[in-house]
Amino acid sequence: MSATSIPAFHVSDTGKAAGSGDVFIQSRKSVGLSGIFSTRLDVHFFPPDKYPSGSLVIKVALTDSVKGAFTATSIELINSYGRPANAPPPRGNPTIFLTGRCDVQLDTVEIPGHVPTGCRYWLMIASNKELKEEGTPDIVGFAIHDQTGARIAYGTGPVISPGNFDIDPGQ
């Protein structure tokens, strides 16, 4: 008899996020790799929409990751928390989590004939300030796995200027 489990439901919250930014990670820089990953998104979910929608691209040039551009083919989950950064005091640092499927466009093929397929992403963004404010920068983290479950790209860090993400938890 095999063990079975009931998969978790993916129920999205209302919300939206838009923006772009680069994250530089010194320890993930090497010859030919800038140590930067870039994120650009415009996503939303507000019923009566049936599903979350929008666009997401993550470009990766980090060591210990596949180098290329990952483009979302689906947005399966949007969960967001907090108060918008532009809300009256007390301000918040709204945070959004996204999951879904993505395709990859490799900059170089490291293993001839091998292109990762069946990729899935996880993305987290915390919006800590408005574009021209001083203070804690926005934070972006992501992980991408292929159809075998192997991690092929990941990174987390602070957004460098002039990047900015606006998140509205839609509460």
N, C-alpha and C. Protein backbone atom coordinates (compact mmCIF):
# COMPACT_ATOMS: atom_id res chain seq x y z
N MET A 1 0.84 -1.17 0.00
CA MET A 1 0.00 0.00 0.00
C MET A 1 0.89 1.24 0.00
N SER A 2 0.63 2.17 -0.90
CA SER A 2 1.44 3.38 -0.96
C SER A 2 0.80 4.50 -0.15
N ALA A 3 1.66 5.36 0.35
CA ALA A 3 1.17 6.51 1.11
C ALA A 3 0.71 7.59 0.14
N THR A 4 -0.40 8.21 0.44
CA THR A 4 -0.89 9.31 -0.37
C THR A 4 -1.14 10.50 0.53
N SER A 5 -1.12 11.65 -0.07
CA SER A 5 -1.43 12.86 0.68
C SER A 5 -2.33 13.75 -0.17
N ILE A 6 -3.07 14.55 0.49
CA ILE A 6 -3.93 15.51 -0.19
C ILE A 6 -3.12 16.77 -0.41
N PRO A 7 -3.00 17.24 -1.64
CA PRO A 7 -2.20 18.45 -1.88
C PRO A 7 -2.87 19.68 -1.26
N ALA A 8 -2.04 20.64 -0.91
CA ALA A 8 -2.54 21.88 -0.34
C ALA A 8 -3.30 22.67 -1.41
N PHE A 9 -4.37 23.33 -1.00
CA PHE A 9 -5.09 24.22 -1.90
C PHE A 9 -4.27 25.48 -2.11
N HIS A 10 -4.35 26.02 -3.31
CA HIS A 10 -3.69 27.28 -3.62
C HIS A 10 -4.77 28.34 -3.72
N VAL A 11 -5.02 29.03 -2.64
CA VAL A 11 -6.06 30.05 -2.61
C VAL A 11 -5.38 31.41 -2.52
N SER A 12 -5.62 32.25 -3.51
CA SER A 12 -4.98 33.56 -3.56
C SER A 12 -5.76 34.60 -2.77
N ASP A 13 -5.02 35.59 -2.26
CA ASP A 13 -5.60 36.78 -1.64
C ASP A 13 -5.73 37.85 -2.72
N THR A 14 -6.60 38.83 -2.48
CA THR A 14 -6.64 39.97 -3.39
C THR A 14 -5.36 40.76 -3.21
N GLY A 15 -4.93 41.40 -4.27
CA GLY A 15 -3.74 42.23 -4.19
C GLY A 15 -3.12 42.45 -5.55
N LYS A 16 -2.14 43.35 -5.55
CA LYS A 16 -1.40 43.61 -6.78
C LYS A 16 0.00 44.07 -6.43
N ALA A 17 0.89 43.90 -7.37
CA ALA A 17 2.27 44.34 -7.22
C ALA A 17 2.81 44.72 -8.59
N ALA A 18 3.62 45.77 -8.60
CA ALA A 18 4.24 46.21 -9.85
C ALA A 18 5.58 46.85 -9.52
N GLY A 19 6.50 46.74 -10.44
CA GLY A 19 7.79 47.38 -10.27
C GLY A 19 8.91 46.57 -10.86
N SER A 20 10.12 47.08 -10.63
CA SER A 20 11.30 46.39 -11.12
C SER A 20 12.48 46.77 -10.25
N GLY A 21 13.47 45.91 -10.24
CA GLY A 21 14.66 46.21 -9.46
C GLY A 21 15.72 45.14 -9.63
N ASP A 22 16.95 45.54 -9.34
CA ASP A 22 18.10 44.65 -9.38
C ASP A 22 18.56 44.37 -7.97
N VAL A 23 19.06 43.16 -7.73
CA VAL A 23 19.67 42.78 -6.47
C VAL A 23 21.10 42.35 -6.79
N PHE A 24 22.07 42.94 -6.10
CA PHE A 24 23.48 42.58 -6.26
C PHE A 24 23.92 41.78 -5.05
N ILE A 25 24.53 40.60 -5.32
CA ILE A 25 25.03 39.75 -4.25
C ILE A 25 26.52 39.51 -4.53
N GLN A 26 27.37 40.19 -3.79
CA GLN A 26 28.82 40.13 -4.02
C GLN A 26 29.34 38.69 -4.02
N SER A 27 28.85 37.88 -3.11
CA SER A 27 29.36 36.50 -3.00
C SER A 27 28.93 35.61 -4.15
N ARG A 28 28.03 36.09 -5.01
CA ARG A 28 27.54 35.30 -6.15
C ARG A 28 28.05 35.88 -7.48
N LYS A 29 29.11 36.70 -7.40
CA LYS A 29 29.74 37.30 -8.58
C LYS A 29 31.01 36.51 -8.91
N SER A 30 31.28 36.32 -10.22
CA SER A 30 32.53 35.69 -10.65
C SER A 30 32.79 36.11 -12.09
N VAL A 31 33.83 35.58 -12.68
CA VAL A 31 34.17 35.91 -14.06
C VAL A 31 32.97 35.57 -14.95
N GLY A 32 32.50 36.55 -15.69
CA GLY A 32 31.37 36.34 -16.60
C GLY A 32 30.00 36.42 -15.95
N LEU A 33 29.95 36.55 -14.63
CA LEU A 33 28.66 36.67 -13.93
C LEU A 33 28.68 37.92 -13.07
N SER A 34 27.69 38.77 -13.27
CA SER A 34 27.65 40.08 -12.60
C SER A 34 27.29 40.01 -11.12
N GLY A 35 26.72 38.89 -10.67
CA GLY A 35 26.25 38.81 -9.28
C GLY A 35 24.93 39.52 -9.09
N ILE A 36 24.22 39.75 -10.19
CA ILE A 36 22.95 40.49 -10.14
C ILE A 36 21.81 39.60 -10.64
N PHE A 37 20.67 39.70 -9.95
CA PHE A 37 19.43 39.19 -10.55
C PHE A 37 18.45 40.35 -10.60
N SER A 38 17.68 40.39 -11.68
CA SER A 38 16.72 41.47 -11.92
C SER A 38 15.32 40.89 -11.93
N THR A 39 14.39 41.63 -11.34
CA THR A 39 13.00 41.20 -11.30
C THR A 39 12.13 42.32 -11.85
N ARG A 40 11.20 41.96 -12.73
CA ARG A 40 10.22 42.92 -13.27
C ARG A 40 8.86 42.25 -13.22
N LEU A 41 7.88 42.91 -12.60
CA LEU A 41 6.56 42.30 -12.53
C LEU A 41 5.45 43.33 -12.55
N ASP A 42 4.29 42.85 -12.95
CA ASP A 42 3.03 43.58 -12.89
C ASP A 42 1.96 42.50 -12.76
N VAL A 43 1.54 42.22 -11.53
CA VAL A 43 0.62 41.11 -11.26
C VAL A 43 -0.57 41.60 -10.43
N HIS A 44 -1.68 40.87 -10.52
CA HIS A 44 -2.85 41.28 -9.74
C HIS A 44 -3.84 40.13 -9.59
N PHE A 45 -4.68 40.24 -8.58
CA PHE A 45 -5.81 39.33 -8.41
C PHE A 45 -6.88 40.06 -7.62
N PHE A 46 -7.98 40.36 -8.29
CA PHE A 46 -9.13 40.98 -7.67
C PHE A 46 -10.39 40.33 -8.24
N PRO A 47 -11.08 39.50 -7.45
CA PRO A 47 -12.34 38.93 -7.94
C PRO A 47 -13.26 40.06 -8.41
N PRO A 48 -13.97 39.88 -9.50
CA PRO A 48 -14.42 38.61 -10.05
C PRO A 48 -13.41 37.91 -10.96
N ASP A 49 -12.14 38.38 -11.05
CA ASP A 49 -11.15 37.62 -11.81
C ASP A 49 -11.16 36.18 -11.30
N LYS A 50 -11.06 35.23 -12.21
CA LYS A 50 -11.06 33.83 -11.80
C LYS A 50 -9.71 33.40 -11.25
N TYR A 51 -8.63 33.97 -11.79
CA TYR A 51 -7.28 33.56 -11.41
C TYR A 51 -6.37 34.77 -11.36
N PRO A 52 -5.25 34.66 -10.62
CA PRO A 52 -4.24 35.73 -10.67
C PRO A 52 -3.69 35.85 -12.10
N SER A 53 -3.28 37.05 -12.46
CA SER A 53 -2.72 37.24 -13.80
C SER A 53 -1.68 38.35 -13.78
N GLY A 54 -1.01 38.51 -14.90
CA GLY A 54 0.00 39.54 -15.04
C GLY A 54 1.25 39.00 -15.68
N SER A 55 2.36 39.71 -15.43
CA SER A 55 3.63 39.32 -16.04
C SER A 55 4.74 39.35 -14.99
N LEU A 56 5.70 38.46 -15.17
CA LEU A 56 6.85 38.35 -14.28
C LEU A 56 8.04 37.83 -15.07
N VAL A 57 9.18 38.53 -14.95
CA VAL A 57 10.44 38.09 -15.55
C VAL A 57 11.53 38.24 -14.51
N ILE A 58 12.33 37.17 -14.33
CA ILE A 58 13.49 37.20 -13.45
C ILE A 58 14.70 36.87 -14.30
N LYS A 59 15.67 37.80 -14.39
CA LYS A 59 16.91 37.57 -15.13
C LYS A 59 18.01 37.29 -14.12
N VAL A 60 18.77 36.23 -14.37
CA VAL A 60 19.74 35.75 -13.39
C VAL A 60 21.14 35.70 -13.98
N ALA A 61 22.11 36.29 -13.26
CA ALA A 61 23.54 36.20 -13.61
C ALA A 61 24.31 35.99 -12.30
N LEU A 62 24.05 34.85 -11.65
CA LEU A 62 24.63 34.52 -10.35
C LEU A 62 25.38 33.20 -10.43
N THR A 63 26.44 33.05 -9.61
CA THR A 63 27.06 31.74 -9.49
C THR A 63 26.06 30.79 -8.83
N ASP A 64 26.26 29.52 -8.99
CA ASP A 64 25.42 28.49 -8.39
C ASP A 64 23.97 28.58 -8.87
N SER A 65 23.76 29.13 -10.07
CA SER A 65 22.43 29.24 -10.68
C SER A 65 22.57 29.17 -12.19
N VAL A 66 21.50 28.76 -12.85
CA VAL A 66 21.45 28.81 -14.31
C VAL A 66 21.39 30.27 -14.72
N LYS A 67 22.19 30.65 -15.73
CA LYS A 67 22.21 32.03 -16.20
C LYS A 67 21.21 32.18 -17.34
N GLY A 68 20.24 33.10 -17.16
CA GLY A 68 19.25 33.33 -18.20
C GLY A 68 18.07 34.10 -17.68
N ALA A 69 17.00 34.12 -18.48
CA ALA A 69 15.77 34.84 -18.14
C ALA A 69 14.65 33.84 -17.93
N PHE A 70 13.96 33.97 -16.81
CA PHE A 70 12.83 33.12 -16.48
C PHE A 70 11.56 33.96 -16.61
N THR A 71 10.64 33.51 -17.47
CA THR A 71 9.40 34.25 -17.72
C THR A 71 8.22 33.41 -17.26
N ALA A 72 7.40 34.00 -16.40
CA ALA A 72 6.24 33.28 -15.87
C ALA A 72 5.28 32.93 -17.00
N THR A 73 4.83 31.68 -17.01
CA THR A 73 3.79 31.24 -17.93
C THR A 73 2.46 31.11 -17.20
N SER A 74 2.52 31.13 -15.86
CA SER A 74 1.31 31.15 -15.04
C SER A 74 1.63 31.81 -13.72
N ILE A 75 0.61 32.40 -13.13
CA ILE A 75 0.69 32.90 -11.76
C ILE A 75 -0.39 32.15 -11.02
N GLU A 76 0.02 31.18 -10.24
CA GLU A 76 -0.95 30.29 -9.61
C GLU A 76 -1.35 30.73 -8.22
N LEU A 77 -0.51 31.54 -7.58
CA LEU A 77 -0.80 31.96 -6.22
C LEU A 77 -0.26 33.36 -5.98
N ILE A 78 -1.10 34.21 -5.41
CA ILE A 78 -0.69 35.52 -4.90
C ILE A 78 -1.19 35.60 -3.46
N ASN A 79 -0.27 35.77 -2.54
CA ASN A 79 -0.64 36.03 -1.14
C ASN A 79 0.11 37.29 -0.73
N SER A 80 -0.61 38.25 -0.16
CA SER A 80 0.01 39.50 0.25
C SER A 80 -0.45 39.88 1.65
N TYR A 81 0.43 40.59 2.35
CA TYR A 81 0.20 40.94 3.75
C TYR A 81 0.67 42.37 4.00
N GLY A 82 0.15 42.97 5.06
CA GLY A 82 0.64 44.27 5.49
C GLY A 82 -0.17 45.43 4.94
N ARG A 83 0.27 46.61 5.34
CA ARG A 83 -0.34 47.86 4.88
C ARG A 83 0.52 48.45 3.77
N PRO A 84 -0.11 49.06 2.77
CA PRO A 84 0.69 49.68 1.70
C PRO A 84 1.67 50.70 2.25
N ALA A 85 2.83 50.81 1.61
CA ALA A 85 3.86 51.75 2.07
C ALA A 85 3.37 53.19 2.02
N ASN A 86 2.40 53.52 1.14
CA ASN A 86 1.90 54.88 1.04
C ASN A 86 0.65 55.11 1.90
N ALA A 87 0.33 54.16 2.79
CA ALA A 87 -0.84 54.30 3.67
C ALA A 87 -0.54 55.32 4.77
N PRO A 88 -1.60 55.92 5.34
CA PRO A 88 -1.37 56.83 6.47
C PRO A 88 -0.72 56.07 7.63
N PRO A 89 -0.04 56.78 8.52
CA PRO A 89 0.60 56.11 9.66
C PRO A 89 -0.40 55.30 10.46
N PRO A 90 -0.04 54.19 11.05
CA PRO A 90 1.31 53.61 10.94
C PRO A 90 1.48 52.91 9.60
N ARG A 91 2.61 53.22 8.95
CA ARG A 91 2.91 52.62 7.65
C ARG A 91 3.29 51.16 7.83
N GLY A 92 3.24 50.46 6.75
CA GLY A 92 3.62 49.06 6.78
C GLY A 92 4.73 48.77 5.81
N ASN A 93 5.07 47.53 5.72
CA ASN A 93 5.96 47.09 4.64
C ASN A 93 5.27 45.90 3.98
N PRO A 94 4.36 46.19 3.06
CA PRO A 94 3.60 45.13 2.43
C PRO A 94 4.53 44.11 1.78
N THR A 95 4.14 42.85 1.90
CA THR A 95 4.93 41.74 1.38
C THR A 95 4.03 40.86 0.54
N ILE A 96 4.56 40.40 -0.58
CA ILE A 96 3.79 39.55 -1.48
C ILE A 96 4.58 38.29 -1.81
N PHE A 97 3.85 37.18 -1.93
CA PHE A 97 4.43 35.90 -2.33
C PHE A 97 3.72 35.43 -3.59
N LEU A 98 4.49 34.94 -4.55
CA LEU A 98 3.94 34.44 -5.81
C LEU A 98 4.52 33.06 -6.08
N THR A 99 3.71 32.20 -6.67
CA THR A 99 4.20 30.92 -7.18
C THR A 99 3.56 30.66 -8.53
N GLY A 100 4.22 29.84 -9.32
CA GLY A 100 3.67 29.48 -10.61
C GLY A 100 4.67 28.74 -11.46
N ARG A 101 4.41 28.69 -12.75
CA ARG A 101 5.27 28.01 -13.70
C ARG A 101 6.01 29.04 -14.55
N CYS A 102 7.18 28.64 -15.07
CA CYS A 102 7.95 29.56 -15.91
C CYS A 102 8.75 28.81 -16.95
N ASP A 103 9.07 29.52 -18.02
CA ASP A 103 9.98 29.04 -19.05
C ASP A 103 11.32 29.74 -18.86
N VAL A 104 12.38 29.12 -19.37
CA VAL A 104 13.71 29.72 -19.25
C VAL A 104 14.30 29.93 -20.63
N GLN A 105 14.92 31.08 -20.81
CA GLN A 105 15.71 31.38 -22.01
C GLN A 105 17.15 31.49 -21.53
N LEU A 106 17.96 30.48 -21.79
CA LEU A 106 19.34 30.43 -21.30
C LEU A 106 20.22 31.42 -22.05
N ASP A 107 21.14 32.06 -21.31
CA ASP A 107 22.17 32.88 -21.95
C ASP A 107 23.23 31.99 -22.58
N THR A 108 23.57 30.91 -21.90
CA THR A 108 24.51 29.91 -22.41
C THR A 108 24.02 28.54 -21.98
N VAL A 109 24.26 27.55 -22.80
CA VAL A 109 23.91 26.18 -22.44
C VAL A 109 25.14 25.55 -21.81
N GLU A 110 25.06 25.30 -20.51
CA GLU A 110 26.20 24.78 -19.77
C GLU A 110 26.44 23.31 -20.06
N ILE A 111 25.35 22.55 -20.23
CA ILE A 111 25.45 21.14 -20.59
C ILE A 111 24.81 21.00 -21.97
N PRO A 112 25.62 20.71 -23.01
CA PRO A 112 25.06 20.63 -24.37
C PRO A 112 23.82 19.74 -24.43
N GLY A 113 22.77 20.27 -25.07
CA GLY A 113 21.54 19.51 -25.23
C GLY A 113 20.61 19.55 -24.02
N HIS A 114 21.04 20.20 -22.93
CA HIS A 114 20.19 20.23 -21.73
C HIS A 114 19.67 21.64 -21.47
N VAL A 115 18.36 21.78 -21.56
CA VAL A 115 17.69 23.03 -21.20
C VAL A 115 16.66 22.66 -20.14
N PRO A 116 16.70 23.31 -18.98
CA PRO A 116 15.73 22.98 -17.93
C PRO A 116 14.30 23.17 -18.44
N THR A 117 13.43 22.21 -18.12
CA THR A 117 12.03 22.29 -18.52
C THR A 117 11.15 22.04 -17.31
N GLY A 118 9.87 22.36 -17.47
CA GLY A 118 8.92 22.15 -16.38
C GLY A 118 9.26 22.96 -15.15
N CYS A 119 9.72 24.19 -15.34
CA CYS A 119 10.20 25.01 -14.22
C CYS A 119 9.05 25.62 -13.42
N ARG A 120 9.27 25.74 -12.12
CA ARG A 120 8.34 26.38 -11.19
C ARG A 120 9.11 27.41 -10.38
N TYR A 121 8.46 28.53 -10.08
CA TYR A 121 9.12 29.59 -9.32
C TYR A 121 8.38 29.86 -8.01
N TRP A 122 9.11 30.45 -7.10
CA TRP A 122 8.61 31.01 -5.84
C TRP A 122 9.28 32.37 -5.73
N LEU A 123 8.49 33.41 -5.43
CA LEU A 123 9.02 34.77 -5.35
C LEU A 123 8.42 35.47 -4.15
N MET A 124 9.26 36.21 -3.43
CA MET A 124 8.82 37.03 -2.30
C MET A 124 9.39 38.43 -2.49
N ILE A 125 8.55 39.45 -2.29
CA ILE A 125 9.00 40.85 -2.33
C ILE A 125 8.42 41.56 -1.13
N ALA A 126 9.28 42.28 -0.41
CA ALA A 126 8.85 43.15 0.69
C ALA A 126 9.12 44.59 0.25
N SER A 127 8.08 45.40 0.21
CA SER A 127 8.20 46.81 -0.17
C SER A 127 8.38 47.62 1.10
N ASN A 128 9.58 48.11 1.31
CA ASN A 128 9.91 48.79 2.56
C ASN A 128 9.87 50.31 2.50
N LYS A 129 9.86 50.87 1.29
CA LYS A 129 9.85 52.33 1.17
C LYS A 129 9.42 52.74 -0.22
N GLU A 130 9.08 54.00 -0.35
CA GLU A 130 8.78 54.56 -1.66
C GLU A 130 10.09 54.84 -2.40
N LEU A 131 10.02 55.05 -3.69
CA LEU A 131 11.20 55.14 -4.56
C LEU A 131 12.27 56.11 -4.06
N LYS A 132 11.92 57.34 -3.71
CA LYS A 132 12.94 58.33 -3.38
C LYS A 132 13.17 58.51 -1.89
N GLU A 133 12.59 57.63 -1.08
CA GLU A 133 12.77 57.73 0.37
C GLU A 133 14.08 57.07 0.79
N GLU A 134 14.60 57.53 1.93
CA GLU A 134 15.74 56.88 2.57
C GLU A 134 15.20 55.76 3.44
N GLY A 135 16.04 54.81 3.76
CA GLY A 135 15.61 53.76 4.68
C GLY A 135 15.89 52.37 4.13
N THR A 136 15.26 51.40 4.73
CA THR A 136 15.45 50.01 4.35
C THR A 136 15.00 49.79 2.92
N PRO A 137 15.86 49.24 2.06
CA PRO A 137 15.44 48.99 0.68
C PRO A 137 14.44 47.85 0.59
N ASP A 138 13.75 47.78 -0.53
CA ASP A 138 12.89 46.64 -0.80
C ASP A 138 13.76 45.38 -0.83
N ILE A 139 13.15 44.25 -0.51
CA ILE A 139 13.86 42.96 -0.48
C ILE A 139 13.17 42.02 -1.47
N VAL A 140 13.97 41.29 -2.25
CA VAL A 140 13.44 40.31 -3.19
C VAL A 140 14.15 38.98 -2.96
N GLY A 141 13.38 37.90 -2.94
CA GLY A 141 13.94 36.56 -2.86
C GLY A 141 13.20 35.64 -3.83
N PHE A 142 13.92 34.69 -4.42
CA PHE A 142 13.28 33.76 -5.36
C PHE A 142 13.99 32.42 -5.34
N ALA A 143 13.28 31.40 -5.81
CA ALA A 143 13.85 30.08 -6.06
C ALA A 143 13.13 29.50 -7.26
N ILE A 144 13.88 28.81 -8.11
CA ILE A 144 13.30 28.17 -9.29
C ILE A 144 13.80 26.73 -9.33
N HIS A 145 12.86 25.81 -9.55
CA HIS A 145 13.16 24.38 -9.64
C HIS A 145 12.68 23.85 -10.97
N ASP A 146 13.37 22.82 -11.49
CA ASP A 146 12.93 22.22 -12.74
C ASP A 146 11.99 21.04 -12.46
N GLN A 147 11.57 20.36 -13.51
CA GLN A 147 10.58 19.29 -13.37
C GLN A 147 11.06 18.12 -12.53
N THR A 148 12.38 17.99 -12.33
CA THR A 148 12.89 16.90 -11.50
C THR A 148 12.96 17.30 -10.03
N GLY A 149 12.68 18.58 -9.75
CA GLY A 149 12.78 19.09 -8.39
C GLY A 149 14.12 19.71 -8.07
N ALA A 150 15.04 19.69 -9.03
CA ALA A 150 16.37 20.28 -8.81
C ALA A 150 16.27 21.80 -8.79
N ARG A 151 16.92 22.41 -7.82
CA ARG A 151 16.98 23.87 -7.77
C ARG A 151 17.94 24.32 -8.85
N ILE A 152 17.48 25.22 -9.73
CA ILE A 152 18.33 25.68 -10.82
C ILE A 152 18.70 27.16 -10.71
N ALA A 153 18.00 27.91 -9.85
CA ALA A 153 18.35 29.31 -9.63
C ALA A 153 17.72 29.77 -8.32
N TYR A 154 18.42 30.67 -7.61
CA TYR A 154 17.90 31.21 -6.36
C TYR A 154 18.68 32.47 -6.00
N GLY A 155 18.10 33.27 -5.14
CA GLY A 155 18.79 34.46 -4.63
C GLY A 155 17.86 35.27 -3.75
N THR A 156 18.45 36.02 -2.83
CA THR A 156 17.70 36.93 -1.96
C THR A 156 18.61 38.09 -1.59
N GLY A 157 18.05 39.30 -1.59
CA GLY A 157 18.83 40.45 -1.17
C GLY A 157 18.08 41.74 -1.33
N PRO A 158 18.75 42.85 -0.94
CA PRO A 158 18.14 44.18 -1.04
C PRO A 158 18.20 44.73 -2.47
N VAL A 159 17.16 45.42 -2.85
CA VAL A 159 17.09 46.06 -4.17
C VAL A 159 18.02 47.27 -4.17
N ILE A 160 18.85 47.38 -5.22
CA ILE A 160 19.73 48.53 -5.34
C ILE A 160 19.00 49.63 -6.09
N SER A 161 19.39 50.87 -5.83
CA SER A 161 18.76 52.03 -6.44
C SER A 161 18.97 51.98 -7.94
N PRO A 162 18.00 52.36 -8.74
CA PRO A 162 16.76 53.04 -8.46
C PRO A 162 15.54 52.11 -8.44
N GLY A 163 15.71 50.84 -8.20
CA GLY A 163 14.59 49.90 -8.23
C GLY A 163 13.55 50.18 -7.16
N ASN A 164 12.32 49.77 -7.45
CA ASN A 164 11.23 49.97 -6.50
C ASN A 164 10.06 49.06 -6.85
N PHE A 165 9.41 48.56 -5.81
CA PHE A 165 8.22 47.74 -5.99
C PHE A 165 7.07 48.33 -5.18
N ASP A 166 5.92 48.44 -5.81
CA ASP A 166 4.71 48.90 -5.15
C ASP A 166 3.80 47.70 -4.94
N ILE A 167 3.40 47.48 -3.70
CA ILE A 167 2.54 46.36 -3.37
C ILE A 167 1.29 46.87 -2.67
N ASP A 168 0.14 46.44 -3.16
CA ASP A 168 -1.14 46.77 -2.54
C ASP A 168 -1.80 45.47 -2.14
N PRO A 169 -1.80 45.16 -0.82
CA PRO A 169 -2.41 43.91 -0.38
C PRO A 169 -3.91 43.83 -0.65
N GLY A 170 -4.53 44.93 -1.00
CA GLY A 170 -5.94 44.90 -1.38
C GLY A 170 -6.89 44.48 -0.28
N GLN A 171 -6.56 44.80 0.94
CA GLN A 171 -7.37 44.35 2.08
C GLN A 171 -8.65 45.13 2.18
